[in-house]
């Protein structure tokens, strides 16, 4: 199937109605070893998850990132935002990301994988780059979450530039940061399902 599929322009996307977002009532912030134990036990039993990370921005050329500072995972119902300051929390997240039986789907995950390997000492397993799926289906351009949501849902995915460039290493994340981080992972799992990926539960 080599048919070239058009990718919507920014102007096209801006005309669309907003895509729904997860509210704080469906976002779980995980910052301690105990919280991570419970969350990872729950998540390790889920076959498919939306996946993303956030790192504190670097502003100088050549300045290395010590991210990721958060790891986000989501089902179609809710999202988990893991802060990685706590060593026990980092260890649990590392174990979960290395689990081969759980698919972690997201966009532009190349840098995320490198940073996870560097910081957490594991190679993430079961990672599905959704860009690759779109390319296989005839979309030539790299497909970010905004274009994917526009194509599959005819909706505009809203991303806050202010939140994107905020300090993800802060011990206390703001509500805006939590909503931004969680919804990136949640949109990824929504796209995953809309593409018809993953077995339908019996």
N, C-alpha and C. Protein backbone atom coordinates (compact mmCIF):
# COMPACT_ATOMS: atom_id res chain seq x y z
N UNK A 1 0.84 -1.19 0.00
CA UNK A 1 0.00 0.00 0.00
C UNK A 1 0.88 1.25 0.00
N UNK A 2 1.17 1.79 -1.14
CA UNK A 2 2.06 2.94 -1.23
C UNK A 2 1.32 4.24 -1.52
N UNK A 3 0.02 4.23 -1.37
CA UNK A 3 -0.75 5.45 -1.64
C UNK A 3 -0.30 6.56 -0.70
N UNK A 4 -0.05 7.73 -1.28
CA UNK A 4 0.39 8.87 -0.46
C UNK A 4 -0.83 9.52 0.19
N UNK A 5 -0.82 9.59 1.52
CA UNK A 5 -1.93 10.18 2.25
C UNK A 5 -1.57 11.62 2.65
N UNK A 6 -2.49 12.56 2.47
CA UNK A 6 -2.18 13.94 2.84
C UNK A 6 -2.15 14.15 4.36
N UNK A 7 -1.25 15.01 4.80
CA UNK A 7 -1.17 15.37 6.22
C UNK A 7 -1.79 16.75 6.39
N UNK A 8 -2.68 16.92 7.35
CA UNK A 8 -3.33 18.23 7.51
C UNK A 8 -2.34 19.32 7.89
N UNK A 9 -2.56 20.53 7.38
CA UNK A 9 -1.69 21.66 7.71
C UNK A 9 -2.08 22.24 9.07
N UNK A 10 -1.21 23.10 9.60
CA UNK A 10 -1.52 23.76 10.88
C UNK A 10 -2.82 24.55 10.78
N UNK A 11 -3.00 25.23 9.63
CA UNK A 11 -4.22 26.02 9.43
C UNK A 11 -5.46 25.13 9.44
N UNK A 12 -5.35 23.96 8.77
CA UNK A 12 -6.47 23.02 8.77
C UNK A 12 -6.81 22.58 10.19
N UNK A 13 -5.76 22.27 10.94
CA UNK A 13 -5.98 21.77 12.31
C UNK A 13 -6.60 22.85 13.19
N UNK A 14 -6.18 24.10 12.99
CA UNK A 14 -6.69 25.19 13.82
C UNK A 14 -8.18 25.44 13.65
N UNK A 15 -8.74 24.96 12.54
CA UNK A 15 -10.17 25.14 12.30
C UNK A 15 -11.02 24.10 13.03
N UNK A 16 -10.39 23.06 13.55
CA UNK A 16 -11.13 21.96 14.17
C UNK A 16 -11.54 22.28 15.60
N UNK A 17 -12.58 21.59 16.05
CA UNK A 17 -13.00 21.70 17.45
C UNK A 17 -11.95 21.04 18.35
N UNK A 18 -11.79 21.51 19.59
CA UNK A 18 -10.77 20.93 20.47
C UNK A 18 -11.04 19.45 20.80
N UNK A 19 -9.97 18.71 20.91
CA UNK A 19 -10.02 17.31 21.37
C UNK A 19 -10.24 17.33 22.88
N UNK A 20 -11.04 16.37 23.37
CA UNK A 20 -11.27 16.33 24.82
C UNK A 20 -9.96 16.07 25.56
N UNK A 21 -9.94 16.46 26.83
CA UNK A 21 -8.72 16.26 27.63
C UNK A 21 -9.06 15.56 28.94
N UNK A 22 -8.08 14.84 29.46
CA UNK A 22 -8.22 14.29 30.80
C UNK A 22 -8.15 15.42 31.81
N UNK A 23 -9.06 15.41 32.77
CA UNK A 23 -8.99 16.37 33.86
C UNK A 23 -8.16 15.80 35.01
N UNK A 24 -7.92 16.62 36.02
CA UNK A 24 -7.10 16.18 37.16
C UNK A 24 -7.70 15.00 37.90
N UNK A 25 -9.02 14.83 37.80
CA UNK A 25 -9.68 13.71 38.49
C UNK A 25 -9.31 12.36 37.87
N UNK A 26 -8.72 12.39 36.66
CA UNK A 26 -8.34 11.13 36.01
C UNK A 26 -6.82 11.05 35.80
N UNK A 27 -6.09 11.87 36.55
CA UNK A 27 -4.62 11.87 36.48
C UNK A 27 -4.07 11.53 37.85
N UNK A 28 -3.19 10.54 37.89
CA UNK A 28 -2.59 10.14 39.17
C UNK A 28 -1.11 10.53 39.18
N UNK A 29 -0.74 11.32 40.15
CA UNK A 29 0.66 11.74 40.31
C UNK A 29 1.35 10.74 41.22
N UNK A 30 2.45 10.18 40.75
CA UNK A 30 3.18 9.15 41.50
C UNK A 30 4.58 9.70 41.80
N UNK A 31 4.89 9.85 43.09
CA UNK A 31 6.18 10.46 43.45
C UNK A 31 6.98 9.65 44.46
N UNK A 32 6.36 8.65 45.10
CA UNK A 32 7.07 7.89 46.14
C UNK A 32 7.19 6.42 45.75
N UNK A 33 8.04 5.69 46.47
CA UNK A 33 8.22 4.26 46.19
C UNK A 33 6.91 3.50 46.40
N UNK A 34 6.22 3.81 47.49
CA UNK A 34 4.96 3.11 47.79
C UNK A 34 3.92 3.34 46.71
N UNK A 35 3.77 4.58 46.29
CA UNK A 35 2.81 4.89 45.21
C UNK A 35 3.21 4.17 43.92
N UNK A 36 4.52 4.15 43.64
CA UNK A 36 5.01 3.51 42.42
C UNK A 36 4.79 2.00 42.45
N UNK A 37 4.96 1.39 43.64
CA UNK A 37 4.71 -0.05 43.77
C UNK A 37 3.29 -0.39 43.32
N UNK A 38 2.33 0.36 43.86
CA UNK A 38 0.91 0.09 43.54
C UNK A 38 0.63 0.37 42.06
N UNK A 39 1.09 1.52 41.58
CA UNK A 39 0.80 1.92 40.20
C UNK A 39 1.42 0.93 39.20
N UNK A 40 2.66 0.55 39.43
CA UNK A 40 3.34 -0.34 38.47
C UNK A 40 2.75 -1.75 38.49
N UNK A 41 2.27 -2.20 39.67
CA UNK A 41 1.60 -3.50 39.73
C UNK A 41 0.33 -3.47 38.87
N UNK A 42 -0.36 -2.36 38.96
CA UNK A 42 -1.60 -2.17 38.16
C UNK A 42 -1.26 -2.11 36.66
N UNK A 43 -0.26 -1.31 36.33
CA UNK A 43 0.06 -1.06 34.92
C UNK A 43 0.72 -2.26 34.24
N UNK A 44 1.41 -3.10 35.00
CA UNK A 44 2.07 -4.26 34.40
C UNK A 44 1.06 -5.29 33.90
N UNK A 45 -0.19 -5.14 34.35
CA UNK A 45 -1.24 -6.06 33.90
C UNK A 45 -2.01 -5.52 32.69
N UNK A 46 -1.63 -4.33 32.21
CA UNK A 46 -2.31 -3.71 31.06
C UNK A 46 -1.51 -4.03 29.79
N UNK A 47 -2.20 -4.46 28.73
CA UNK A 47 -1.49 -4.89 27.51
C UNK A 47 -0.94 -3.71 26.70
N UNK A 48 -1.66 -2.57 26.68
CA UNK A 48 -1.27 -1.44 25.83
C UNK A 48 -1.37 -0.14 26.62
N UNK A 49 -0.32 0.66 26.54
CA UNK A 49 -0.30 1.94 27.25
C UNK A 49 0.17 3.05 26.34
N UNK A 50 -0.39 4.25 26.53
CA UNK A 50 0.19 5.43 25.92
C UNK A 50 1.41 5.81 26.73
N UNK A 51 2.43 6.36 26.06
CA UNK A 51 3.73 6.55 26.71
C UNK A 51 4.36 7.87 26.26
N UNK A 52 4.92 8.60 27.22
CA UNK A 52 5.66 9.82 26.89
C UNK A 52 6.54 10.16 28.09
N UNK A 53 7.47 11.07 27.90
CA UNK A 53 8.29 11.57 29.01
C UNK A 53 8.41 13.08 28.88
N UNK A 54 8.81 13.72 29.96
CA UNK A 54 9.13 15.14 29.93
C UNK A 54 10.48 15.36 30.61
N UNK A 55 11.25 16.28 30.06
CA UNK A 55 12.55 16.63 30.64
C UNK A 55 12.65 18.14 30.78
N UNK A 56 13.34 18.56 31.82
CA UNK A 56 13.60 19.99 31.99
C UNK A 56 14.35 20.51 30.76
N UNK A 57 13.91 21.61 30.17
CA UNK A 57 14.57 22.11 28.95
C UNK A 57 16.02 22.50 29.20
N UNK A 58 16.84 22.35 28.17
CA UNK A 58 18.21 22.88 28.23
C UNK A 58 18.26 24.09 27.31
N UNK A 59 18.99 25.11 27.71
CA UNK A 59 18.96 26.38 26.97
C UNK A 59 20.30 26.74 26.34
N UNK A 60 21.35 26.01 26.71
CA UNK A 60 22.66 26.31 26.13
C UNK A 60 23.05 25.24 25.13
N UNK A 61 23.69 25.63 24.04
CA UNK A 61 24.12 24.69 23.01
C UNK A 61 25.07 23.67 23.63
N UNK A 62 24.79 22.39 23.38
CA UNK A 62 25.66 21.33 23.89
C UNK A 62 25.41 20.96 25.34
N UNK A 63 24.48 21.66 25.99
CA UNK A 63 24.19 21.35 27.40
C UNK A 63 23.45 20.00 27.47
N UNK A 64 24.01 19.02 28.21
CA UNK A 64 23.33 17.72 28.25
C UNK A 64 22.08 17.78 29.11
N UNK A 65 21.09 16.97 28.76
CA UNK A 65 19.87 16.88 29.58
C UNK A 65 20.06 15.78 30.61
N UNK A 66 19.59 16.03 31.83
CA UNK A 66 19.63 14.94 32.81
C UNK A 66 18.24 14.35 32.99
N UNK A 67 17.41 14.51 31.94
CA UNK A 67 16.06 13.95 31.95
C UNK A 67 16.10 12.46 31.60
N UNK A 68 14.95 11.81 31.58
CA UNK A 68 13.64 12.43 31.83
C UNK A 68 13.41 12.71 33.31
N UNK A 69 12.56 13.70 33.56
CA UNK A 69 12.18 14.02 34.94
C UNK A 69 10.80 13.47 35.27
N UNK A 70 10.00 13.23 34.23
CA UNK A 70 8.72 12.54 34.44
C UNK A 70 8.56 11.48 33.35
N UNK A 71 7.84 10.42 33.71
CA UNK A 71 7.42 9.40 32.74
C UNK A 71 5.90 9.32 32.86
N UNK A 72 5.23 9.38 31.71
CA UNK A 72 3.77 9.32 31.71
C UNK A 72 3.29 8.06 30.99
N UNK A 73 2.33 7.39 31.60
CA UNK A 73 1.71 6.21 31.01
C UNK A 73 0.20 6.37 31.14
N UNK A 74 -0.54 5.88 30.14
CA UNK A 74 -1.99 6.10 30.16
C UNK A 74 -2.74 4.93 29.56
N UNK A 75 -3.91 4.67 30.12
CA UNK A 75 -4.91 3.81 29.49
C UNK A 75 -5.95 4.75 28.89
N UNK A 76 -6.98 4.19 28.28
CA UNK A 76 -8.04 5.03 27.71
C UNK A 76 -8.85 5.73 28.80
N UNK A 77 -8.72 5.26 30.04
CA UNK A 77 -9.52 5.83 31.13
C UNK A 77 -8.78 6.86 31.97
N UNK A 78 -7.48 6.67 32.16
CA UNK A 78 -6.75 7.59 33.05
C UNK A 78 -5.27 7.57 32.72
N UNK A 79 -4.52 8.46 33.40
CA UNK A 79 -3.08 8.57 33.16
C UNK A 79 -2.34 8.64 34.49
N UNK A 80 -1.10 8.17 34.45
CA UNK A 80 -0.20 8.19 35.60
C UNK A 80 1.00 9.05 35.23
N UNK A 81 1.35 10.00 36.09
CA UNK A 81 2.54 10.83 35.87
C UNK A 81 3.53 10.49 36.99
N UNK A 82 4.63 9.85 36.63
CA UNK A 82 5.65 9.45 37.59
C UNK A 82 6.74 10.52 37.66
N UNK A 83 7.00 11.03 38.86
CA UNK A 83 8.15 11.91 39.06
C UNK A 83 9.34 11.04 39.47
N UNK A 84 10.51 11.36 38.93
CA UNK A 84 11.64 10.45 39.08
C UNK A 84 12.69 10.90 40.09
N UNK A 85 12.34 11.82 41.01
CA UNK A 85 13.32 12.23 42.02
C UNK A 85 13.61 11.11 43.01
N UNK A 86 12.58 10.35 43.38
CA UNK A 86 12.70 9.29 44.37
C UNK A 86 13.36 8.05 43.75
N UNK A 87 14.41 7.54 44.38
CA UNK A 87 15.16 6.42 43.78
C UNK A 87 14.30 5.16 43.66
N UNK A 88 13.44 4.92 44.64
CA UNK A 88 12.55 3.75 44.57
C UNK A 88 11.55 3.88 43.44
N UNK A 89 11.03 5.08 43.26
CA UNK A 89 10.09 5.33 42.16
C UNK A 89 10.79 5.11 40.82
N UNK A 90 12.02 5.61 40.70
CA UNK A 90 12.79 5.40 39.47
C UNK A 90 12.98 3.91 39.18
N UNK A 91 13.30 3.15 40.23
CA UNK A 91 13.56 1.72 40.06
C UNK A 91 12.30 0.98 39.59
N UNK A 92 11.15 1.34 40.17
CA UNK A 92 9.89 0.67 39.77
C UNK A 92 9.53 1.01 38.31
N UNK A 93 9.69 2.27 37.96
CA UNK A 93 9.38 2.69 36.58
C UNK A 93 10.32 1.98 35.61
N UNK A 94 11.59 1.86 35.97
CA UNK A 94 12.56 1.17 35.11
C UNK A 94 12.13 -0.27 34.85
N UNK A 95 11.69 -0.95 35.92
CA UNK A 95 11.23 -2.35 35.78
C UNK A 95 10.02 -2.42 34.84
N UNK A 96 9.09 -1.48 35.01
CA UNK A 96 7.88 -1.48 34.18
C UNK A 96 8.23 -1.22 32.71
N UNK A 97 9.10 -0.26 32.47
CA UNK A 97 9.45 0.08 31.08
C UNK A 97 10.22 -1.05 30.40
N UNK A 98 10.90 -1.87 31.19
CA UNK A 98 11.66 -2.99 30.62
C UNK A 98 10.80 -4.23 30.38
N UNK A 99 9.53 -4.19 30.83
CA UNK A 99 8.64 -5.35 30.65
C UNK A 99 8.28 -5.53 29.18
N UNK A 100 8.64 -6.66 28.57
CA UNK A 100 8.35 -6.82 27.14
C UNK A 100 6.88 -7.08 26.83
N UNK A 101 6.11 -7.54 27.80
CA UNK A 101 4.71 -7.90 27.53
C UNK A 101 3.75 -6.73 27.46
N UNK A 102 4.24 -5.53 27.79
CA UNK A 102 3.37 -4.34 27.79
C UNK A 102 3.80 -3.42 26.65
N UNK A 103 2.89 -3.14 25.71
CA UNK A 103 3.21 -2.22 24.61
C UNK A 103 3.08 -0.78 25.12
N UNK A 104 4.13 0.02 24.85
CA UNK A 104 4.10 1.44 25.21
C UNK A 104 4.14 2.24 23.91
N UNK A 105 3.02 2.88 23.58
CA UNK A 105 2.88 3.56 22.29
C UNK A 105 2.96 5.07 22.46
N UNK A 106 3.69 5.71 21.52
CA UNK A 106 3.80 7.16 21.60
C UNK A 106 4.41 7.73 20.33
N UNK A 107 4.66 9.03 20.35
CA UNK A 107 5.20 9.75 19.19
C UNK A 107 6.60 10.29 19.50
N UNK A 108 7.49 10.20 18.50
CA UNK A 108 8.83 10.80 18.64
C UNK A 108 9.58 10.28 19.84
N UNK A 109 9.63 8.96 19.97
CA UNK A 109 10.17 8.36 21.19
C UNK A 109 11.67 8.10 21.15
N UNK A 110 12.35 8.47 20.06
CA UNK A 110 13.79 8.20 19.96
C UNK A 110 14.58 8.80 21.10
N UNK A 111 14.37 10.11 21.34
CA UNK A 111 15.09 10.79 22.43
C UNK A 111 14.68 10.25 23.78
N UNK A 112 13.39 9.96 23.93
CA UNK A 112 12.89 9.43 25.21
C UNK A 112 13.62 8.13 25.56
N UNK A 113 13.76 7.27 24.55
CA UNK A 113 14.40 5.97 24.80
C UNK A 113 15.86 6.15 25.21
N UNK A 114 16.57 7.04 24.51
CA UNK A 114 17.98 7.27 24.85
C UNK A 114 18.11 7.80 26.28
N UNK A 115 17.26 8.74 26.64
CA UNK A 115 17.35 9.34 27.97
C UNK A 115 16.98 8.33 29.06
N UNK A 116 16.00 7.49 28.77
CA UNK A 116 15.61 6.46 29.74
C UNK A 116 16.76 5.48 29.97
N UNK A 117 17.39 5.05 28.87
CA UNK A 117 18.52 4.13 29.00
C UNK A 117 19.64 4.75 29.80
N UNK A 118 19.91 6.04 29.53
CA UNK A 118 20.99 6.74 30.22
C UNK A 118 20.67 6.94 31.70
N UNK A 119 19.43 7.34 32.01
CA UNK A 119 19.09 7.69 33.40
C UNK A 119 18.65 6.49 34.23
N UNK A 120 17.87 5.59 33.62
CA UNK A 120 17.30 4.49 34.39
C UNK A 120 18.06 3.17 34.21
N UNK A 121 18.97 3.15 33.23
CA UNK A 121 19.80 1.96 33.06
C UNK A 121 19.08 0.78 32.46
N UNK A 122 17.96 1.02 31.78
CA UNK A 122 17.23 -0.08 31.11
C UNK A 122 16.93 0.31 29.68
N UNK A 123 16.78 -0.70 28.84
CA UNK A 123 16.32 -0.48 27.47
C UNK A 123 14.81 -0.70 27.48
N UNK A 124 14.01 0.34 27.21
CA UNK A 124 12.56 0.14 27.22
C UNK A 124 12.15 -0.94 26.22
N UNK A 125 11.28 -1.83 26.65
CA UNK A 125 10.81 -2.92 25.79
C UNK A 125 9.37 -2.66 25.36
N UNK A 126 8.99 -3.22 24.22
CA UNK A 126 7.61 -3.10 23.76
C UNK A 126 7.23 -1.70 23.33
N UNK A 127 8.22 -0.88 22.97
CA UNK A 127 7.93 0.51 22.57
C UNK A 127 7.44 0.53 21.13
N UNK A 128 6.32 1.18 20.90
CA UNK A 128 5.76 1.30 19.55
C UNK A 128 5.76 2.77 19.14
N UNK A 129 6.55 3.10 18.13
CA UNK A 129 6.59 4.45 17.59
C UNK A 129 5.41 4.61 16.62
N UNK A 130 4.42 5.42 17.00
CA UNK A 130 3.22 5.56 16.18
C UNK A 130 3.50 6.22 14.83
N UNK A 131 4.57 7.01 14.77
CA UNK A 131 4.98 7.57 13.47
C UNK A 131 5.20 6.48 12.43
N UNK A 132 5.81 5.38 12.88
CA UNK A 132 6.11 4.26 11.97
C UNK A 132 4.83 3.66 11.41
N UNK A 133 3.82 3.56 12.26
CA UNK A 133 2.53 3.00 11.82
C UNK A 133 1.91 3.89 10.74
N UNK A 134 1.95 5.20 10.96
CA UNK A 134 1.40 6.13 9.96
C UNK A 134 2.19 6.05 8.65
N UNK A 135 3.51 5.91 8.76
CA UNK A 135 4.32 5.81 7.55
C UNK A 135 3.95 4.57 6.75
N UNK A 136 3.74 3.47 7.46
CA UNK A 136 3.33 2.22 6.79
C UNK A 136 1.98 2.37 6.10
N UNK A 137 1.19 3.33 6.56
CA UNK A 137 -0.16 3.53 5.99
C UNK A 137 -0.19 4.67 4.97
N UNK A 138 1.00 5.11 4.56
CA UNK A 138 1.05 6.04 3.44
C UNK A 138 1.26 7.50 3.77
N UNK A 139 1.47 7.81 5.05
CA UNK A 139 1.74 9.20 5.43
C UNK A 139 3.25 9.42 5.41
N UNK A 140 3.71 10.35 4.57
CA UNK A 140 5.16 10.51 4.38
C UNK A 140 5.81 11.34 5.47
N UNK A 141 5.08 12.35 5.95
CA UNK A 141 5.67 13.25 6.95
C UNK A 141 5.66 12.57 8.32
N UNK A 142 6.60 13.01 9.19
CA UNK A 142 6.54 12.56 10.57
C UNK A 142 5.23 13.04 11.17
N UNK A 143 4.56 12.13 11.83
CA UNK A 143 3.23 12.43 12.33
C UNK A 143 3.29 12.72 13.82
N UNK A 144 3.10 13.96 14.20
CA UNK A 144 3.02 14.28 15.62
C UNK A 144 1.62 13.99 16.13
N UNK A 145 1.47 14.13 17.41
CA UNK A 145 0.18 13.83 18.02
C UNK A 145 -0.92 14.76 17.48
N UNK A 146 -0.58 16.02 17.19
CA UNK A 146 -1.60 16.96 16.69
C UNK A 146 -2.19 16.50 15.36
N UNK A 147 -1.31 16.14 14.41
CA UNK A 147 -1.79 15.71 13.10
C UNK A 147 -2.54 14.39 13.21
N UNK A 148 -2.06 13.49 14.06
CA UNK A 148 -2.71 12.19 14.22
C UNK A 148 -4.13 12.35 14.77
N UNK A 149 -4.29 13.21 15.77
CA UNK A 149 -5.62 13.45 16.34
C UNK A 149 -6.53 14.10 15.31
N UNK A 150 -5.97 15.02 14.52
CA UNK A 150 -6.77 15.68 13.48
C UNK A 150 -7.27 14.66 12.45
N UNK A 151 -6.40 13.75 12.03
CA UNK A 151 -6.78 12.75 11.01
C UNK A 151 -7.81 11.76 11.55
N UNK A 152 -7.56 11.25 12.75
CA UNK A 152 -8.39 10.15 13.26
C UNK A 152 -9.67 10.60 13.95
N UNK A 153 -9.63 11.79 14.56
CA UNK A 153 -10.79 12.25 15.34
C UNK A 153 -11.41 13.54 14.80
N UNK A 154 -10.76 14.15 13.78
CA UNK A 154 -11.19 15.45 13.28
C UNK A 154 -11.31 16.47 14.41
N UNK A 155 -10.29 16.44 15.27
CA UNK A 155 -10.24 17.34 16.42
C UNK A 155 -8.85 17.95 16.54
N UNK A 156 -8.78 19.07 17.27
CA UNK A 156 -7.52 19.80 17.46
C UNK A 156 -6.97 19.50 18.85
N UNK A 157 -5.78 18.89 18.87
CA UNK A 157 -5.13 18.57 20.15
C UNK A 157 -4.39 19.81 20.63
N UNK A 158 -4.72 20.27 21.82
CA UNK A 158 -4.15 21.52 22.34
C UNK A 158 -2.94 21.22 23.20
N UNK A 159 -1.81 21.86 22.87
CA UNK A 159 -0.58 21.72 23.65
C UNK A 159 -0.14 23.11 24.10
N UNK A 160 0.13 23.25 25.39
CA UNK A 160 0.57 24.54 25.93
C UNK A 160 2.08 24.68 25.80
N UNK A 161 2.53 25.71 25.05
CA UNK A 161 3.98 25.94 24.92
C UNK A 161 4.59 26.29 26.27
N UNK A 162 3.83 27.02 27.08
CA UNK A 162 4.33 27.42 28.40
C UNK A 162 4.62 26.17 29.24
N UNK A 163 3.69 25.21 29.23
CA UNK A 163 3.90 23.98 30.00
C UNK A 163 5.03 23.16 29.40
N UNK A 164 5.10 23.11 28.07
CA UNK A 164 6.13 22.29 27.40
C UNK A 164 7.53 22.71 27.81
N UNK A 165 7.75 24.02 27.97
CA UNK A 165 9.10 24.53 28.27
C UNK A 165 9.27 24.86 29.75
N UNK A 166 8.40 24.32 30.59
CA UNK A 166 8.48 24.60 32.03
C UNK A 166 9.50 23.67 32.68
N UNK A 167 9.74 23.90 33.97
CA UNK A 167 10.75 23.11 34.69
C UNK A 167 10.15 21.80 35.20
N UNK A 168 10.43 20.73 34.46
CA UNK A 168 9.88 19.41 34.82
C UNK A 168 10.65 18.77 35.98
N UNK A 169 11.75 19.37 36.40
CA UNK A 169 12.51 18.84 37.53
C UNK A 169 11.99 19.37 38.86
N UNK A 170 11.02 20.29 38.83
CA UNK A 170 10.46 20.83 40.06
C UNK A 170 9.87 19.72 40.92
N UNK A 171 10.13 19.72 42.23
CA UNK A 171 9.54 18.70 43.10
C UNK A 171 8.01 18.78 43.11
N UNK A 172 7.47 19.98 42.93
CA UNK A 172 6.00 20.13 42.88
C UNK A 172 5.60 20.59 41.48
N UNK A 173 4.92 19.72 40.78
CA UNK A 173 4.45 20.07 39.44
C UNK A 173 3.15 20.86 39.56
N UNK A 174 2.94 21.78 38.64
CA UNK A 174 1.70 22.57 38.64
C UNK A 174 0.58 21.75 38.01
N UNK A 175 -0.64 22.22 38.22
CA UNK A 175 -1.79 21.55 37.58
C UNK A 175 -1.64 21.58 36.06
N UNK A 176 -1.16 22.70 35.53
CA UNK A 176 -0.99 22.82 34.07
C UNK A 176 0.03 21.79 33.56
N UNK A 177 1.10 21.58 34.33
CA UNK A 177 2.10 20.58 33.92
C UNK A 177 1.50 19.17 33.94
N UNK A 178 0.75 18.86 34.97
CA UNK A 178 0.14 17.53 35.08
C UNK A 178 -0.81 17.27 33.91
N UNK A 179 -1.62 18.27 33.59
CA UNK A 179 -2.59 18.11 32.50
C UNK A 179 -1.85 17.95 31.16
N UNK A 180 -0.82 18.74 30.96
CA UNK A 180 -0.04 18.66 29.72
C UNK A 180 0.61 17.28 29.58
N UNK A 181 1.31 16.85 30.62
CA UNK A 181 2.06 15.59 30.57
C UNK A 181 1.12 14.39 30.40
N UNK A 182 0.07 14.36 31.18
CA UNK A 182 -0.85 13.22 31.14
C UNK A 182 -1.55 13.11 29.79
N UNK A 183 -1.93 14.25 29.24
CA UNK A 183 -2.70 14.20 28.00
C UNK A 183 -1.85 13.80 26.80
N UNK A 184 -0.56 14.05 26.82
CA UNK A 184 0.30 13.55 25.74
C UNK A 184 0.24 12.02 25.68
N UNK A 185 0.36 11.39 26.85
CA UNK A 185 0.32 9.92 26.90
C UNK A 185 -1.09 9.41 26.58
N UNK A 186 -2.10 10.13 27.08
CA UNK A 186 -3.48 9.69 26.86
C UNK A 186 -3.86 9.80 25.38
N UNK A 187 -3.46 10.87 24.74
CA UNK A 187 -3.75 11.02 23.31
C UNK A 187 -3.10 9.88 22.52
N UNK A 188 -1.89 9.48 22.95
CA UNK A 188 -1.19 8.40 22.24
C UNK A 188 -1.97 7.08 22.30
N UNK A 189 -2.53 6.76 23.47
CA UNK A 189 -3.27 5.49 23.56
C UNK A 189 -4.61 5.60 22.81
N UNK A 190 -5.20 6.79 22.79
CA UNK A 190 -6.43 6.98 22.00
C UNK A 190 -6.14 6.78 20.51
N UNK A 191 -5.01 7.30 20.04
CA UNK A 191 -4.61 7.13 18.64
C UNK A 191 -4.34 5.66 18.36
N UNK A 192 -3.63 4.99 19.27
CA UNK A 192 -3.32 3.56 19.15
C UNK A 192 -4.60 2.77 18.89
N UNK A 193 -5.61 2.99 19.73
CA UNK A 193 -6.87 2.25 19.58
C UNK A 193 -7.61 2.65 18.30
N UNK A 194 -7.59 3.94 17.97
CA UNK A 194 -8.29 4.40 16.77
C UNK A 194 -7.67 3.83 15.50
N UNK A 195 -6.39 3.49 15.56
CA UNK A 195 -5.72 2.87 14.40
C UNK A 195 -6.05 1.38 14.29
N UNK A 196 -6.80 0.87 15.25
CA UNK A 196 -7.17 -0.55 15.20
C UNK A 196 -6.06 -1.46 15.67
N UNK A 197 -5.12 -0.91 16.45
CA UNK A 197 -4.00 -1.72 16.94
C UNK A 197 -4.38 -2.38 18.26
N UNK A 198 -3.75 -3.49 18.52
CA UNK A 198 -4.01 -4.19 19.79
C UNK A 198 -5.24 -5.08 19.67
N UNK A 199 -5.18 -6.19 20.31
CA UNK A 199 -6.30 -7.15 20.25
C UNK A 199 -7.50 -6.59 20.97
N UNK A 200 -8.66 -6.82 20.42
CA UNK A 200 -9.89 -6.42 21.10
C UNK A 200 -10.13 -7.38 22.26
N UNK A 201 -10.42 -6.86 23.45
CA UNK A 201 -10.66 -7.77 24.58
C UNK A 201 -11.80 -8.75 24.29
N UNK A 202 -11.63 -9.98 24.72
CA UNK A 202 -12.66 -11.02 24.45
C UNK A 202 -13.88 -10.76 25.31
